[in-house]
Each structure stands twice: as structure tokens, then as C-alpha cells.
């Protein structure tokens, strides 16, 4: 059974999604039970995968026993195991929250939710570019429908931009994959990395063009400036559990950039080494600056959190742009923190909006809330964590990022990251004081929130103190992951033993 463990993060949501969509008109209790059980099982599987990857050994699963570079392979290393675990933790919180009533606004929520997990996990585990495209399409198709879950004008408008831009990105992805296949004769990422060591000079232009087209595609998924304009409105309009799950979507783009360019365009790629670095570094800084302005300008709590996601994107990209093991370790710690905390904040924003009634999540005066004290305390903790104030995980994550910067990088990253943190703090303070203190006089509004909503939201926000308590083991794992990514020959030799002999 242990040898089949790698494929379970793909098979579990696939089977659960089929069962749920087949019984889409069935009892709500049945659909909730299947979805929650599948998500919890995925969490246990992902913990087992992290434990397996922690030894430092890289393993792969060849579907149909077709060995690389010819077959479809799923690759497990420290990075892919970590990303699957973060996805599973996020999914458990989101699906429990949805059981509080959001899942009843459409008949197919749980089936689509599981299939989005299928696409996300497949993207993290796949070992070749074409199947990365396939899993991108699976997660995108599910996200198109989930974005529209419950209907409404705002969701339809946001989904049009989201669908059109991602269809354009998918077309460019296929073109880039075709160019790289024509130039190298393979789509297996390890094999492509090996072949770049002896690439004829006349093909370097084609590979460069394909690589930069991929950077545009991944930049669209990650929401890099100037390709981020679809994200704030889409995330703000999405149903709360969907928006929470979408917190990992930008990280799929971040992961793809980190995986593809650290493996294929590593030090052994000759003149093509680190060709993405100048672009990534400056675009990361620009994304940080633009997101900081967006945070200050936001007049809706959901929109504010969406811009906080963009701040995290810029911060993570800056870590990739520094291209050192220390920076990679720091960005992975920060990635875990920001994914879970922003996901929890999307759920919290929906809970606040439900109790405020007509004002919803707009940052304007409203009547006092029925559970105002509990919501205010939770918002205060989430705001401290996401803004990066001690003693929670955001402060530690940003400190690691600042410490990873070297030389001239500090002159750019330190002021921008600290200023965007200040902008986040000001915006969140303004939002909190308006939502909870500057209320109109009168009786409290709204009904009591479901226990499922509280459990799902607190499950995610609890990551802020827990990541400080377990900072040692987590940072040790991310540091080892950064060192493993800095030595791509380990993965190449695992998938292609003859490649090591040839060298």
C-alpha cells in the first residue's frame, strides 16, 4: 500500500467527486458526510506523505508502470508533500464551514469542491509539463463553476473576466509547451533539465521563448502585476468557502514558477540559467507596491482581504527572485502562514457580513452584532497575524524573508515589505474600528452563526499561534526543502538514473 500513497491525493478527490456528482440531487447530509470524510482522509494521507518526504528521499509513481521520461509520473519530494498538506488543511476548514449552509445554495458544490482539490493536488505532484497543463485545466474548470455557486450579478461579472483571462492563459500554456517540446523533444521536467545541458546553440532562442511564455502563464495564475486585476473582484465575489480554497490558487502559480525554473533552468542550464530571475524580482516589488495601495483603497472587507492575498504574492515572488536556499525556506514558511490565515479571514468576513445584514462586508457603520465580542476578538487575532505583528506567525514569516535578503536586495525589499505591512495594519485597524466600535445605536442585528462556521474558521486561524509554537520543526522542514530544491540533480537522478551515469 505504501507505494501507492503518492497517487491517493489525486484518486481520493476524484472518487469522492464522482460519488457526489452522481448523487447531486441526494440528501444534503449524505453529500456533507462524503465530502468531509474525503477531505479528512486527504489530510491524513498528506501527513503521511510529509513524513515520507522528510527523510530527504525523492520518490515517484509511474502510472501504468511506464518509466520516465516516457510515462506519466507523480513525483514526491519535500516541496510537493508540503503543498499537498497545506491544501488538505485549507480544504478541511473550508468544507466544514460550507456545511453551515453555503453548500445548499447549489446542488453540485461538494462534487466540484473535490474536483478542484483533484486539480490542485495533481498540479503539485505531476512530473511533466503537459500534465501540469491538464491539472491546471481541471482545477480551473471546477473553479469556474464554484465561483458562480449561489448566483448573483457580482459573481457573474467577476466570473466573465476570470474565465476569459484563464482561457487566454491556457492557450498560451499550450503554445509554450509545444515550443519547448519541439526544442527539447520531451515534456518530462527532469528529462528537459538534463537535455538543456547539451542543447544546441540554435535552439536556445526557442527554449527562451517557451520559458518566458510559461512565466506569463504562471504569472497569471499567481496574479503578478500587471496580470492581477482579475483577482480582487473574483475573490471578493466568490462564496466564502470558495474564496478560502482560492487562497491556495495563487500558490499553484508560485509553486509552478519555483518548481519549473529551479529544476529546468538551474545552474546546469548553461546560458539559460535563472533566466526568470530579473523579471520575477522587479515584478514582485511592483506587485507589492500596487497591492499596498489597493489595501489602503479597499472599502469592503472581502476586497481588503483579496488585496492582502496580493501582498503575499509579491512577498513570495520576491523570495523566488532572490534564488537562494535561505530565501526559499523563508518563502515556504510564509506561504503556509499566509495561505491558511487569508483563507480563515475570508470565512470570518462572511460571518461578519451575515450578522451585519444589509451593510454586509462593506466598511461602513452598521448595527451592533449578536456575537460581536467573539467576532471582534477573532478579527483582532487574524489582523495581527496577517499584518505581521508579533507574537504570531506573520511576524516570524516576514522576519525570515527580510533576513534572507542580501546586499542590494535589502535596499528594495525592506522598505517595501515594511511599508505594505504598515498599510495592511492601518487598513485593518480602520476596518475593525468601523465594523465593531463605530456602530449605530440599537439592538444587535443578525442571527446566531452555525457551529460549523465557527469550527471551519477557527481551524484555519489557529495556524497563527501554532506556527509559532512549532516554528522549529516547520522552519527545519522548509530549510531542508530549500536545500533540496537548490540541488535539482537529486530529482533528475531519481527519475533518470542513466542521466547521472552519463555525467
Protein backbone atom coordinates (compact mmCIF):
# COMPACT_ATOMS: atom_id res chain seq x y z
CA UNK A 1 0.00 0.00 0.00
CA UNK A 2 2.86 2.38 0.82
CA UNK A 3 3.98 2.53 -2.84
CA UNK A 4 0.51 3.74 -3.86
CA UNK A 5 0.40 6.50 -1.27
CA UNK A 6 1.61 9.15 -3.74
CA UNK A 7 -1.38 8.72 -6.04
CA UNK A 8 -4.00 8.92 -3.26
CA UNK A 9 -4.21 12.77 -3.18
CA UNK A 10 -5.39 12.51 -6.79
CA UNK A 11 -7.56 9.39 -6.50
CA UNK A 12 -9.36 10.35 -3.27
CA UNK A 13 -10.96 13.60 -4.52
CA UNK A 14 -11.57 12.02 -7.93
CA UNK A 15 -13.64 9.17 -6.45
CA UNK A 16 -15.36 11.45 -3.95
CA UNK A 17 -16.23 13.92 -6.70
CA UNK A 18 -17.74 11.18 -8.86
CA UNK A 19 -19.85 9.90 -5.95
CA UNK A 20 -21.05 13.40 -5.10
CA UNK A 21 -21.87 14.48 -8.63
CA UNK A 22 -23.66 11.19 -9.29
CA UNK A 23 -25.84 11.84 -6.24
CA UNK A 24 -26.09 15.60 -6.78
CA UNK A 25 -29.84 15.58 -6.03
CA UNK A 26 -29.38 13.37 -2.97
CA UNK A 27 -29.62 14.19 0.72
CA UNK A 28 -27.53 17.12 1.92
CA UNK A 29 -26.40 15.06 4.92
CA UNK A 30 -25.00 12.37 2.61
CA UNK A 31 -23.10 14.87 0.46
CA UNK A 32 -21.65 16.60 3.50
CA UNK A 33 -20.56 13.32 5.04
CA UNK A 34 -18.78 12.15 1.87
CA UNK A 35 -17.06 15.50 1.31
CA UNK A 36 -15.89 15.95 4.91
CA UNK A 37 -14.69 12.36 5.21
CA UNK A 38 -12.81 12.60 1.90
CA UNK A 39 -11.16 15.88 2.98
CA UNK A 40 -10.14 14.47 6.38
CA UNK A 41 -8.73 11.33 4.72
CA UNK A 42 -6.79 13.59 2.37
CA UNK A 43 -5.34 15.34 5.42
CA UNK A 44 -4.15 12.03 6.92
CA UNK A 45 -2.66 10.96 3.57
CA UNK A 46 -0.84 14.28 3.21
CA UNK A 47 0.61 13.96 6.73
CA UNK A 48 1.90 10.50 5.79
CA UNK A 49 3.42 11.93 2.59
CA UNK A 50 5.20 14.71 4.50
CA UNK A 51 6.55 12.13 6.94
CA UNK A 52 7.79 10.06 3.99
CA UNK A 53 9.36 13.05 2.23
CA UNK A 54 11.01 14.29 5.45
CA UNK A 55 13.68 11.61 5.08
CA UNK A 56 15.01 13.55 2.08
CA UNK A 57 14.39 10.68 -0.34
CA UNK A 58 12.67 11.62 -3.61
CA UNK A 59 10.20 9.02 -4.88
CA UNK A 60 7.92 8.80 -7.89
CA UNK A 61 4.86 6.88 -9.03
CA UNK A 62 4.81 5.74 -12.66
CA UNK A 63 1.22 5.27 -13.85
CA UNK A 64 0.84 2.06 -15.87
CA UNK A 65 4.45 1.27 -14.92
CA UNK A 66 5.65 3.38 -17.88
CA UNK A 67 9.01 4.60 -16.62
CA UNK A 68 10.18 8.20 -17.09
CA UNK A 69 10.71 10.02 -19.31
CA UNK A 70 8.04 8.23 -21.40
CA UNK A 71 5.21 7.74 -18.93
CA UNK A 72 3.05 9.88 -16.68
CA UNK A 73 4.76 10.26 -13.31
CA UNK A 74 3.83 11.76 -9.97
CA UNK A 75 6.84 12.98 -8.01
CA UNK A 76 7.06 13.27 -4.23
CA UNK A 77 9.73 15.44 -2.67
CA UNK A 78 9.68 17.81 0.28
CA UNK A 79 8.09 20.64 -1.72
CA UNK A 80 5.24 18.69 -3.30
CA UNK A 81 4.42 16.96 0.01
CA UNK A 82 4.29 20.31 1.82
CA UNK A 83 1.98 21.86 -0.77
CA UNK A 84 -0.42 18.90 -0.64
CA UNK A 85 -0.52 19.16 3.16
CA UNK A 86 -1.31 22.89 3.10
CA UNK A 87 -4.08 22.22 0.57
CA UNK A 88 -5.58 19.50 2.76
CA UNK A 89 -5.56 21.69 5.88
CA UNK A 90 -7.23 24.50 3.95
CA UNK A 91 -9.79 22.13 2.42
CA UNK A 92 -10.87 20.72 5.79
CA UNK A 93 -11.58 24.19 7.17
CA UNK A 94 -13.41 25.34 4.02
CA UNK A 95 -15.60 22.23 3.67
CA UNK A 96 -16.61 22.27 7.35
CA UNK A 97 -17.54 25.95 7.04
CA UNK A 98 -19.60 25.18 3.90
CA UNK A 99 -21.65 22.66 5.89
CA UNK A 100 -23.06 25.64 7.81
CA UNK A 101 -25.36 26.39 4.86
CA UNK A 102 -23.28 27.69 1.95
CA UNK A 103 -23.32 24.28 0.27
CA UNK A 104 -27.14 24.36 -0.01
CA UNK A 105 -27.10 27.31 -2.44
CA UNK A 106 -26.33 24.91 -5.30
CA UNK A 107 -26.61 21.17 -5.86
CA UNK A 108 -23.05 20.48 -7.05
CA UNK A 109 -20.90 22.32 -4.50
CA UNK A 110 -19.25 19.35 -2.81
CA UNK A 111 -18.54 17.45 -6.03
CA UNK A 112 -16.93 20.49 -7.65
CA UNK A 113 -15.02 21.21 -4.44
CA UNK A 114 -13.47 17.73 -4.53
CA UNK A 115 -12.58 18.02 -8.19
CA UNK A 116 -10.85 21.30 -7.57
CA UNK A 117 -8.78 19.51 -4.94
CA UNK A 118 -8.02 16.88 -7.59
CA UNK A 119 -6.64 19.54 -9.93
CA UNK A 120 -4.65 21.34 -7.23
CA UNK A 121 -3.05 18.17 -5.84
CA UNK A 122 -2.28 16.88 -9.33
CA UNK A 123 -0.53 20.15 -10.21
CA UNK A 124 1.64 19.85 -7.10
CA UNK A 125 2.59 16.22 -7.75
CA UNK A 126 2.98 15.93 -11.52
CA UNK A 127 6.42 15.49 -13.01
CA UNK A 128 5.83 16.72 -16.57
CA UNK A 129 4.66 19.94 -18.17
CA UNK A 130 1.77 18.55 -20.18
CA UNK A 131 0.09 17.01 -17.16
CA UNK A 132 0.71 20.24 -15.31
CA UNK A 133 -1.44 21.83 -18.03
CA UNK A 134 -4.06 19.07 -17.65
CA UNK A 135 -4.35 19.53 -13.89
CA UNK A 136 -4.44 23.31 -14.34
CA UNK A 137 -7.47 22.84 -16.58
CA UNK A 138 -9.18 20.50 -14.10
CA UNK A 139 -8.84 22.96 -11.23
CA UNK A 140 -9.86 25.88 -13.44
CA UNK A 141 -12.99 24.14 -14.75
CA UNK A 142 -14.09 23.40 -11.20
CA UNK A 143 -13.28 26.94 -10.08
CA UNK A 144 -15.39 28.44 -12.89
CA UNK A 145 -18.48 26.69 -11.54
CA UNK A 146 -17.62 27.26 -7.87
CA UNK A 147 -17.20 30.99 -8.46
CA UNK A 148 -20.80 31.10 -9.71
CA UNK A 149 -22.14 28.98 -6.83
CA UNK A 150 -25.25 30.71 -5.49
CA UNK A 151 -25.54 33.10 -8.45
CA UNK A 152 -25.73 36.88 -8.31
CA UNK A 153 -24.74 39.79 -10.55
CA UNK A 154 -21.37 40.41 -8.89
CA UNK A 155 -20.32 36.78 -9.29
CA UNK A 156 -21.35 36.65 -12.93
CA UNK A 157 -19.39 39.83 -13.72
CA UNK A 158 -16.30 38.59 -11.87
CA UNK A 159 -16.51 35.16 -13.50
CA UNK A 160 -16.53 36.61 -17.03
CA UNK A 161 -13.15 38.29 -16.51
CA UNK A 162 -11.81 35.27 -14.66
CA UNK A 163 -12.84 32.79 -17.36
CA UNK A 164 -11.69 34.89 -20.34
CA UNK A 165 -8.25 35.60 -18.88
CA UNK A 166 -7.68 31.99 -17.84
CA UNK A 167 -8.77 30.69 -21.25
CA UNK A 168 -6.21 33.01 -22.83
CA UNK A 169 -3.63 31.75 -20.34
CA UNK A 170 -4.45 28.13 -21.17
CA UNK A 171 -3.96 28.79 -24.86
CA UNK A 172 -0.59 30.39 -24.20
CA UNK A 173 0.32 27.46 -21.95
CA UNK A 174 -0.28 25.00 -24.81
CA UNK A 175 1.79 27.10 -27.19
CA UNK A 176 4.66 27.27 -24.68
CA UNK A 177 4.54 23.52 -24.08
CA UNK A 178 4.59 22.90 -27.85
CA UNK A 179 7.59 25.19 -28.32
CA UNK A 180 9.55 23.52 -25.51
CA UNK A 181 8.69 20.05 -26.77
CA UNK A 182 9.80 20.97 -30.28
CA UNK A 183 13.10 22.32 -28.96
CA UNK A 184 13.94 19.59 -26.44
CA UNK A 185 11.93 16.54 -27.55
CA UNK A 186 10.49 15.91 -24.08
CA UNK A 187 7.93 17.26 -21.60
CA UNK A 188 9.20 15.42 -18.54
CA UNK A 189 10.68 18.22 -16.40
CA UNK A 190 13.65 16.18 -15.15
CA UNK A 191 14.43 14.98 -18.67
CA UNK A 192 14.13 18.51 -20.03
CA UNK A 193 16.55 19.77 -17.38
CA UNK A 194 19.01 17.04 -18.38
CA UNK A 195 18.71 17.81 -22.09
CA UNK A 196 19.40 21.52 -21.57
CA UNK A 197 22.94 20.59 -20.53
CA UNK A 198 23.69 19.66 -24.16
CA UNK A 199 21.20 21.88 -26.00
CA UNK A 200 22.42 23.07 -29.44
CA UNK A 201 23.00 26.82 -29.56
CA UNK A 202 20.49 27.31 -32.39
CA UNK A 203 17.65 26.05 -30.14
CA UNK A 204 18.35 28.32 -27.18
CA UNK A 205 16.13 31.04 -28.62
CA UNK A 206 13.15 28.68 -28.84
CA UNK A 207 13.66 27.44 -25.29
CA UNK A 208 13.96 31.02 -24.03
CA UNK A 209 10.73 31.98 -25.81
CA UNK A 210 8.90 28.94 -24.39
CA UNK A 211 10.23 29.59 -20.89
CA UNK A 212 9.14 33.23 -20.91
CA UNK A 213 5.68 32.29 -22.21
CA UNK A 214 5.39 29.86 -19.31
CA UNK A 215 6.38 32.68 -16.99
CA UNK A 216 3.45 34.75 -18.30
CA UNK A 217 1.08 31.81 -17.75
CA UNK A 218 2.32 31.12 -14.23
CA UNK A 219 2.31 34.86 -13.53
CA UNK A 220 -1.36 34.98 -14.48
CA UNK A 221 -2.14 32.10 -12.10
CA UNK A 222 -0.08 33.71 -9.33
CA UNK A 223 -1.62 37.17 -10.02
CA UNK A 224 1.58 39.09 -10.68
CA UNK A 225 1.37 42.75 -11.71
CA UNK A 226 0.14 43.57 -14.39
CA UNK A 227 -1.81 40.29 -14.56
CA UNK A 228 -3.54 40.53 -11.17
CA UNK A 229 -6.55 42.72 -12.00
CA UNK A 230 -8.91 39.74 -12.18
CA UNK A 231 -8.18 38.60 -8.63
CA UNK A 232 -9.62 41.21 -6.21
CA UNK A 233 -13.14 41.23 -7.66
CA UNK A 234 -13.22 37.47 -8.24
CA UNK A 235 -12.13 36.62 -4.70
CA UNK A 236 -14.40 39.25 -3.17
CA UNK A 237 -17.43 37.95 -5.10
CA UNK A 238 -16.84 34.23 -4.51
CA UNK A 239 -18.77 32.34 -1.80
CA UNK A 240 -16.80 32.30 1.46
CA UNK A 241 -15.64 28.63 1.40
CA UNK A 242 -14.72 29.00 -2.27
CA UNK A 243 -12.72 32.18 -1.59
CA UNK A 244 -10.96 30.36 1.23
CA UNK A 245 -9.98 27.50 -1.08
CA UNK A 246 -8.93 30.05 -3.71
CA UNK A 247 -6.25 31.18 -1.23
CA UNK A 248 -4.19 28.22 -2.48
CA UNK A 249 -4.87 29.01 -6.16
CA UNK A 250 -2.30 31.78 -6.43
CA UNK A 251 0.15 29.47 -4.67
CA UNK A 252 -0.25 26.99 -7.54
CA UNK A 253 1.30 29.64 -9.79
CA UNK A 254 4.01 30.36 -7.21
CA UNK A 255 4.74 26.63 -6.95
CA UNK A 256 4.92 26.24 -10.75
CA UNK A 257 7.46 29.06 -11.03
CA UNK A 258 9.52 27.65 -8.17
CA UNK A 259 9.40 24.10 -9.50
CA UNK A 260 9.97 24.70 -13.21
CA UNK A 261 12.70 27.31 -13.01
CA UNK A 262 14.64 25.82 -10.09
CA UNK A 263 14.66 22.42 -11.81
CA UNK A 264 14.88 23.08 -15.55
CA UNK A 265 16.77 26.38 -15.56
CA UNK A 266 19.17 25.63 -12.73
CA UNK A 267 22.93 26.14 -12.71
CA UNK A 268 23.44 23.32 -15.21
CA UNK A 269 21.33 25.08 -17.89
CA UNK A 270 24.32 26.99 -19.24
CA UNK A 271 23.41 30.36 -20.73
CA UNK A 272 19.74 29.79 -19.82
CA UNK A 273 20.37 29.63 -16.08
CA UNK A 274 17.99 31.74 -13.96
CA UNK A 275 16.51 33.47 -16.98
CA UNK A 276 13.38 34.28 -14.96
CA UNK A 277 15.17 35.96 -12.06
CA UNK A 278 15.38 39.59 -13.35
CA UNK A 279 11.72 39.52 -14.34
CA UNK A 280 10.49 37.90 -11.13
CA UNK A 281 12.39 40.21 -8.79
CA UNK A 282 11.18 43.51 -10.21
CA UNK A 283 7.63 42.29 -10.85
CA UNK A 284 7.48 41.06 -7.26
CA UNK A 285 8.41 44.50 -5.95
CA UNK A 286 5.88 46.16 -8.27
CA UNK A 287 3.17 43.73 -7.13
CA UNK A 288 3.95 44.54 -3.50
CA UNK A 289 3.68 48.28 -4.11
CA UNK A 290 0.42 48.05 -6.09
CA UNK A 291 -1.17 45.69 -3.55
CA UNK A 292 -0.26 48.07 -0.71
CA UNK A 293 -2.14 50.87 -2.47
CA UNK A 294 -5.09 48.52 -3.07
CA UNK A 295 -5.27 47.59 0.60
CA UNK A 296 -5.50 51.23 1.61
CA UNK A 297 -8.16 51.96 -1.01
CA UNK A 298 -10.42 48.97 -0.25
CA UNK A 299 -13.85 49.85 1.16
CA UNK A 300 -15.10 46.29 1.51
CA UNK A 301 -13.72 43.70 3.91
CA UNK A 302 -13.65 40.94 1.30
CA UNK A 303 -11.84 43.21 -1.15
CA UNK A 304 -9.37 44.19 1.56
CA UNK A 305 -8.53 40.53 2.20
CA UNK A 306 -8.14 39.93 -1.55
CA UNK A 307 -5.51 42.66 -1.68
CA UNK A 308 -3.81 41.06 1.34
CA UNK A 309 -3.54 37.94 -0.82
CA UNK A 310 -1.78 40.07 -3.45
CA UNK A 311 0.66 41.38 -0.84
CA UNK A 312 1.52 37.78 -0.02
CA UNK A 313 2.00 37.05 -3.73
CA UNK A 314 4.51 39.89 -4.06
CA UNK A 315 6.35 38.75 -0.92
CA UNK A 316 6.57 35.14 -2.11
CA UNK A 317 7.76 36.16 -5.56
CA UNK A 318 10.48 38.30 -4.00
CA UNK A 319 11.70 35.15 -2.26
CA UNK A 320 11.83 33.33 -5.59
CA UNK A 321 13.64 36.29 -7.14
CA UNK A 322 16.40 36.10 -4.53
CA UNK A 323 17.01 32.47 -5.60
CA UNK A 324 18.86 31.20 -2.52
CA UNK A 325 18.08 28.27 -0.18
CA UNK A 326 17.53 30.70 2.70
CA UNK A 327 15.03 32.73 0.67
CA UNK A 328 13.23 29.57 -0.44
CA UNK A 329 13.00 28.38 3.15
CA UNK A 330 11.60 31.75 4.26
CA UNK A 331 9.04 31.96 1.47
CA UNK A 332 7.76 28.44 2.19
CA UNK A 333 7.23 29.25 5.88
CA UNK A 334 5.47 32.46 4.88
CA UNK A 335 3.43 30.58 2.24
CA UNK A 336 1.97 28.22 4.85
CA UNK A 337 1.09 31.14 7.10
CA UNK A 338 -0.49 33.41 4.51
CA UNK A 339 -2.50 30.65 2.79
CA UNK A 340 -4.19 29.48 5.98
CA UNK A 341 -4.67 32.90 7.57
CA UNK A 342 -6.12 34.63 4.50
CA UNK A 343 -8.36 31.58 3.94
CA UNK A 344 -9.60 31.92 7.53
CA UNK A 345 -10.14 35.67 7.10
CA UNK A 346 -12.37 35.10 4.06
CA UNK A 347 -14.53 32.83 6.24
CA UNK A 348 -14.53 35.35 9.09
CA UNK A 349 -15.52 38.18 6.73
CA UNK A 350 -18.55 36.18 5.59
CA UNK A 351 -19.58 35.56 9.21
CA UNK A 352 -19.33 39.28 9.95
CA UNK A 353 -21.33 40.10 6.83
CA UNK A 354 -24.08 37.64 7.75
CA UNK A 355 -24.54 39.26 11.17
CA UNK A 356 -24.45 42.83 9.84
CA UNK A 357 -27.37 42.25 7.49
CA UNK A 358 -27.84 44.90 4.78
CA UNK A 359 -24.40 46.59 5.14
CA UNK A 360 -22.77 43.18 4.63
CA UNK A 361 -18.99 43.34 4.43
CA UNK A 362 -18.85 46.99 3.36
CA UNK A 363 -16.69 49.02 5.74
CA UNK A 364 -19.47 51.34 6.87
CA UNK A 365 -21.39 51.85 10.11
CA UNK A 366 -23.96 49.21 10.99
CA UNK A 367 -25.96 47.91 13.93
CA UNK A 368 -24.21 46.01 16.76
CA UNK A 369 -23.68 42.31 16.14
CA UNK A 370 -25.27 39.48 18.09
CA UNK A 371 -21.90 37.77 18.57
CA UNK A 372 -19.90 40.97 18.21
CA UNK A 373 -17.42 40.33 21.03
CA UNK A 374 -16.38 36.90 19.80
CA UNK A 375 -16.12 38.10 16.19
CA UNK A 376 -14.13 41.19 17.23
CA UNK A 377 -11.60 39.14 19.20
CA UNK A 378 -11.20 36.69 16.31
CA UNK A 379 -10.79 39.55 13.83
CA UNK A 380 -8.17 41.16 16.07
CA UNK A 381 -6.12 37.94 16.15
CA UNK A 382 -6.43 37.43 12.38
CA UNK A 383 -5.49 41.06 11.69
CA UNK A 384 -2.37 40.85 13.87
CA UNK A 385 -1.33 37.64 12.14
CA UNK A 386 -1.83 38.81 8.56
CA UNK A 387 -0.28 42.25 9.15
CA UNK A 388 2.87 40.62 10.51
CA UNK A 389 2.85 41.82 14.13
CA UNK A 390 4.40 39.78 16.95
CA UNK A 391 3.88 37.32 18.52
CA UNK A 392 2.05 35.45 15.76
CA UNK A 393 3.34 33.63 12.67
CA UNK A 394 3.12 36.60 10.29
CA UNK A 395 5.87 38.44 12.15
CA UNK A 396 8.15 35.41 12.07
CA UNK A 397 7.47 34.76 8.37
CA UNK A 398 8.25 38.34 7.36
CA UNK A 399 11.33 38.43 9.60
CA UNK A 400 12.65 35.34 7.82
CA UNK A 401 12.01 36.98 4.44
CA UNK A 402 13.80 40.18 5.45
CA UNK A 403 16.73 38.22 6.87
CA UNK A 404 17.07 36.22 3.62
CA UNK A 405 17.67 39.39 1.56
CA UNK A 406 21.30 40.13 0.83
CA UNK A 407 23.22 43.23 -0.25
CA UNK A 408 21.30 45.46 -2.63
CA UNK A 409 18.17 43.32 -2.30
CA UNK A 410 17.67 44.72 1.20
CA UNK A 411 17.53 48.30 -0.12
CA UNK A 412 14.46 47.37 -2.16
CA UNK A 413 12.71 44.63 -0.18
CA UNK A 414 12.96 46.01 3.36
CA UNK A 415 11.24 49.39 2.75
CA UNK A 416 8.54 47.91 0.51
CA UNK A 417 7.70 44.97 2.76
CA UNK A 418 7.63 47.13 5.88
CA UNK A 419 5.53 49.83 4.21
CA UNK A 420 2.99 47.31 2.91
CA UNK A 421 2.81 45.80 6.40
CA UNK A 422 2.09 49.29 7.76
CA UNK A 423 -0.55 49.84 5.08
CA UNK A 424 -2.17 46.50 6.00
CA UNK A 425 -2.17 47.43 9.68
CA UNK A 426 -3.77 50.82 9.01
CA UNK A 427 -6.43 49.34 6.69
CA UNK A 428 -7.29 46.51 9.09
CA UNK A 429 -7.43 48.91 12.06
CA UNK A 430 -9.80 51.18 10.16
CA UNK A 431 -11.96 48.22 9.16
CA UNK A 432 -12.08 46.78 12.67
CA UNK A 433 -12.95 50.06 14.35
CA UNK A 434 -15.73 50.73 11.83
CA UNK A 435 -17.20 47.24 11.95
CA UNK A 436 -17.13 46.74 15.73
CA UNK A 437 -16.80 50.10 17.51
CA UNK A 438 -18.45 52.74 15.32
CA UNK A 439 -21.83 51.03 15.29
CA UNK A 440 -25.20 52.72 15.27
CA UNK A 441 -27.18 52.55 18.45
CA UNK A 442 -29.87 49.93 18.56
CA UNK A 443 -30.49 46.28 19.20
CA UNK A 444 -27.96 43.75 17.85
CA UNK A 445 -28.62 42.50 14.31
CA UNK A 446 -28.22 39.11 12.69
CA UNK A 447 -28.83 35.55 13.79
CA UNK A 448 -26.52 33.21 15.70
CA UNK A 449 -23.87 31.68 13.46
CA UNK A 450 -23.60 27.95 12.84
CA UNK A 451 -21.10 25.91 14.84
CA UNK A 452 -19.78 24.58 11.52
CA UNK A 453 -18.85 28.11 10.52
CA UNK A 454 -17.03 28.73 13.79
CA UNK A 455 -15.15 25.42 13.61
CA UNK A 456 -14.08 25.92 9.99
CA UNK A 457 -12.89 29.48 10.58
CA UNK A 458 -11.06 28.77 13.84
CA UNK A 459 -9.43 25.69 12.30
CA UNK A 460 -7.63 27.94 9.82
CA UNK A 461 -6.87 30.93 12.05
CA UNK A 462 -5.39 28.64 14.71
CA UNK A 463 -2.41 28.29 12.36
CA UNK A 464 -1.17 31.72 13.53
CA UNK A 465 -0.21 30.67 17.09
CA UNK A 466 0.52 27.04 16.21
CA UNK A 467 3.13 28.01 13.60
CA UNK A 468 4.95 29.95 16.32
CA UNK A 469 4.72 27.11 18.84
CA UNK A 470 6.06 24.65 16.23
CA UNK A 471 8.32 27.15 14.47
CA UNK A 472 11.37 24.94 15.00
CA UNK A 473 10.13 21.81 13.21
CA UNK A 474 8.36 23.82 10.49
CA UNK A 475 11.36 26.01 9.70
CA UNK A 476 13.68 22.98 9.80
CA UNK A 477 11.48 21.28 7.20
CA UNK A 478 11.34 24.37 4.98
CA UNK A 479 15.09 24.86 5.27
CA UNK A 480 15.69 21.28 4.16
CA UNK A 481 13.24 21.85 1.31
CA UNK A 482 15.15 24.91 0.14
CA UNK A 483 18.40 22.94 0.17
CA UNK A 484 16.78 20.09 -1.74
CA UNK A 485 15.49 22.46 -4.43
CA UNK A 486 18.94 24.02 -4.72
CA UNK A 487 20.26 20.60 -5.78
CA UNK A 488 17.99 19.60 -8.71
CA UNK A 489 20.35 16.80 -9.71
CA UNK A 490 18.85 14.71 -6.90
CA UNK A 491 15.44 14.70 -8.61
CA UNK A 492 16.97 14.17 -12.05
CA UNK A 493 18.98 11.16 -10.86
CA UNK A 494 15.89 9.68 -9.16
CA UNK A 495 13.74 9.80 -12.30
CA UNK A 496 16.58 9.24 -14.77
CA UNK A 497 19.32 7.07 -13.20
CA UNK A 498 21.20 6.91 -16.50
CA UNK A 499 21.49 10.72 -16.55
CA UNK A 500 23.80 10.64 -13.55
CA UNK A 501 25.91 7.92 -15.17
CA UNK A 502 26.18 9.94 -18.38
CA UNK A 503 27.64 12.86 -16.48
